[in-house]
Amino acid sequence: RTANFGSDPVQRLAELRAAQPQGPLCNMEFWIGWFDAWGALTGKSFRDPADVARTLRDTLDAGASVNFFVFHGGTSFGF
């Protein structure tokens, strides 16, 4: 089992651990933003980079692995 989230890693990983008492902790979709209309200058896709870094640090500090989900230009191809 894995989890998908972009915020509150302590709570989300606790929920994952409750469902899976043993085994690796892994966030398979670390959400950096969300979907918006093409060319939008505001909306859910804009997120404070400091918040992203803090959430990532909390996830890694909990011993979890992370897969970034679509973090550049609507795809993660080339990374």
C-alpha atoms as a PDB file:
ATOM      1  CA  ARG A   1       0.000   0.000   0.000  1.00  0.00           C
ATOM      2  CA  THR A   2       1.022   3.564  -0.636  1.00  0.00           C
ATOM      3  CA  ALA A   3      -0.405   7.022  -0.049  1.00  0.00           C
ATOM      4  CA  ASN A   4      -1.071  10.008  -2.309  1.00  0.00           C
ATOM      5  CA  PHE A   5      -0.938  13.494  -0.790  1.00  0.00           C
ATOM      6  CA  GLY A   6       0.541  16.959  -1.036  1.00  0.00           C
ATOM      7  CA  SER A   7       0.076  18.203   2.502  1.00  0.00           C
ATOM      8  CA  ASP A   8      -0.102  17.071   6.130  1.00  0.00           C
ATOM      9  CA  PRO A   9       2.367  14.177   5.780  1.00  0.00           C
ATOM     10  CA  VAL A  10       2.381  13.347   9.492  1.00  0.00           C
ATOM     11  CA  GLN A  11      -1.367  12.613   9.449  1.00  0.00           C
ATOM     12  CA  ARG A  12      -1.348  10.911   6.043  1.00  0.00           C
ATOM     13  CA  LEU A  13       1.579   8.641   6.908  1.00  0.00           C
ATOM     14  CA  ALA A  14      -0.052   7.759  10.242  1.00  0.00           C
ATOM     15  CA  GLU A  15      -3.164   6.700   8.304  1.00  0.00           C
ATOM     16  CA  LEU A  16      -1.011   4.630   5.957  1.00  0.00           C
ATOM     17  CA  ARG A  17       0.785   3.008   8.902  1.00  0.00           C
ATOM     18  CA  ALA A  18      -2.579   2.156  10.509  1.00  0.00           C
ATOM     19  CA  ALA A  19      -3.651   0.418   7.299  1.00  0.00           C
ATOM     20  CA  GLN A  20      -0.248  -1.203   6.840  1.00  0.00           C
ATOM     21  CA  PRO A  21       1.470  -1.860  10.191  1.00  0.00           C
ATOM     22  CA  GLN A  22       4.675  -3.043   8.526  1.00  0.00           C
ATOM     23  CA  GLY A  23       6.387  -2.312   5.252  1.00  0.00           C
ATOM     24  CA  PRO A  24       7.704   0.787   3.553  1.00  0.00           C
ATOM     25  CA  LEU A  25       6.100   4.201   3.760  1.00  0.00           C
ATOM     26  CA  CYS A  26       5.754   5.710   0.313  1.00  0.00           C
ATOM     27  CA  ASN A  27       3.941   8.712  -1.111  1.00  0.00           C
ATOM     28  CA  MET A  28       3.403   7.715  -4.736  1.00  0.00           C
ATOM     29  CA  GLU A  29       1.901  11.060  -5.762  1.00  0.00           C
ATOM     30  CA  PHE A  30       3.427  14.021  -3.944  1.00  0.00           C
ATOM     31  CA  TRP A  31       1.173  16.783  -5.231  1.00  0.00           C
ATOM     32  CA  ILE A  32       3.059  20.011  -5.916  1.00  0.00           C
ATOM     33  CA  GLY A  33      -0.054  21.793  -7.157  1.00  0.00           C
ATOM     34  CA  TRP A  34      -3.290  20.948  -8.874  1.00  0.00           C
ATOM     35  CA  PHE A  35      -5.038  21.342 -12.205  1.00  0.00           C
ATOM     36  CA  ASP A  36      -5.952  24.755 -13.654  1.00  0.00           C
ATOM     37  CA  ALA A  37      -6.971  26.117 -17.028  1.00  0.00           C
ATOM     38  CA  TRP A  38      -4.215  26.559 -19.598  1.00  0.00           C
ATOM     39  CA  GLY A  39      -2.587  29.970 -19.137  1.00  0.00           C
ATOM     40  CA  ALA A  40      -4.160  30.641 -15.743  1.00  0.00           C
ATOM     41  CA  LEU A  41      -2.169  33.055 -13.614  1.00  0.00           C
ATOM     42  CA  THR A  42      -3.902  32.161 -10.354  1.00  0.00           C
ATOM     43  CA  GLY A  43      -5.549  29.103  -8.937  1.00  0.00           C
ATOM     44  CA  LYS A  44      -4.753  25.803  -7.301  1.00  0.00           C
ATOM     45  CA  SER A  45      -1.642  25.156  -9.384  1.00  0.00           C
ATOM     46  CA  PHE A  46       0.268  27.955  -7.644  1.00  0.00           C
ATOM     47  CA  ARG A  47       1.794  26.901  -4.326  1.00  0.00           C
ATOM     48  CA  ASP A  48       4.342  28.573  -2.082  1.00  0.00           C
ATOM     49  CA  PRO A  49       7.670  26.809  -2.693  1.00  0.00           C
ATOM     50  CA  ALA A  50       8.504  27.057   1.018  1.00  0.00           C
ATOM     51  CA  ASP A  51       5.344  25.061   1.798  1.00  0.00           C
ATOM     52  CA  VAL A  52       6.320  22.409  -0.757  1.00  0.00           C
ATOM     53  CA  ALA A  53       9.826  22.185   0.743  1.00  0.00           C
ATOM     54  CA  ARG A  54       8.474  21.956   4.292  1.00  0.00           C
ATOM     55  CA  THR A  55       6.016  19.213   3.340  1.00  0.00           C
ATOM     56  CA  LEU A  56       8.725  17.281   1.503  1.00  0.00           C
ATOM     57  CA  ARG A  57      11.095  17.608   4.486  1.00  0.00           C
ATOM     58  CA  ASP A  58       8.398  16.354   6.895  1.00  0.00           C
ATOM     59  CA  THR A  59       7.734  13.389   4.596  1.00  0.00           C
ATOM     60  CA  LEU A  60      11.415  12.471   4.329  1.00  0.00           C
ATOM     61  CA  ASP A  61      11.963  12.995   8.057  1.00  0.00           C
ATOM     62  CA  ALA A  62       9.220  10.421   8.668  1.00  0.00           C
ATOM     63  CA  GLY A  63      11.292   7.895   6.720  1.00  0.00           C
ATOM     64  CA  ALA A  64       8.983   7.817   3.705  1.00  0.00           C
ATOM     65  CA  SER A  65       9.918   7.658   0.042  1.00  0.00           C
ATOM     66  CA  VAL A  66       8.493  10.202  -2.401  1.00  0.00           C
ATOM     67  CA  ASN A  67       7.487  10.251  -6.051  1.00  0.00           C
ATOM     68  CA  PHE A  68       6.855  13.764  -7.391  1.00  0.00           C
ATOM     69  CA  PHE A  69       3.630  13.868  -9.382  1.00  0.00           C
ATOM     70  CA  VAL A  70       3.671  16.029 -12.504  1.00  0.00           C
ATOM     71  CA  PHE A  71       5.847  18.864 -11.324  1.00  0.00           C
ATOM     72  CA  HIS A  72       6.858  20.744 -14.484  1.00  0.00           C
ATOM     73  CA  GLY A  73       4.687  22.000 -17.295  1.00  0.00           C
ATOM     74  CA  GLY A  74       1.988  19.397 -16.761  1.00  0.00           C
ATOM     75  CA  THR A  75       4.348  16.439 -17.132  1.00  0.00           C
ATOM     76  CA  SER A  76       7.414  15.003 -15.517  1.00  0.00           C
ATOM     77  CA  PHE A  77       8.959  13.762 -18.793  1.00  0.00           C
ATOM     78  CA  GLY A  78      12.658  14.450 -19.071  1.00  0.00           C
ATOM     79  CA  PHE A  79      13.372  14.387 -15.341  1.00  0.00           C
END
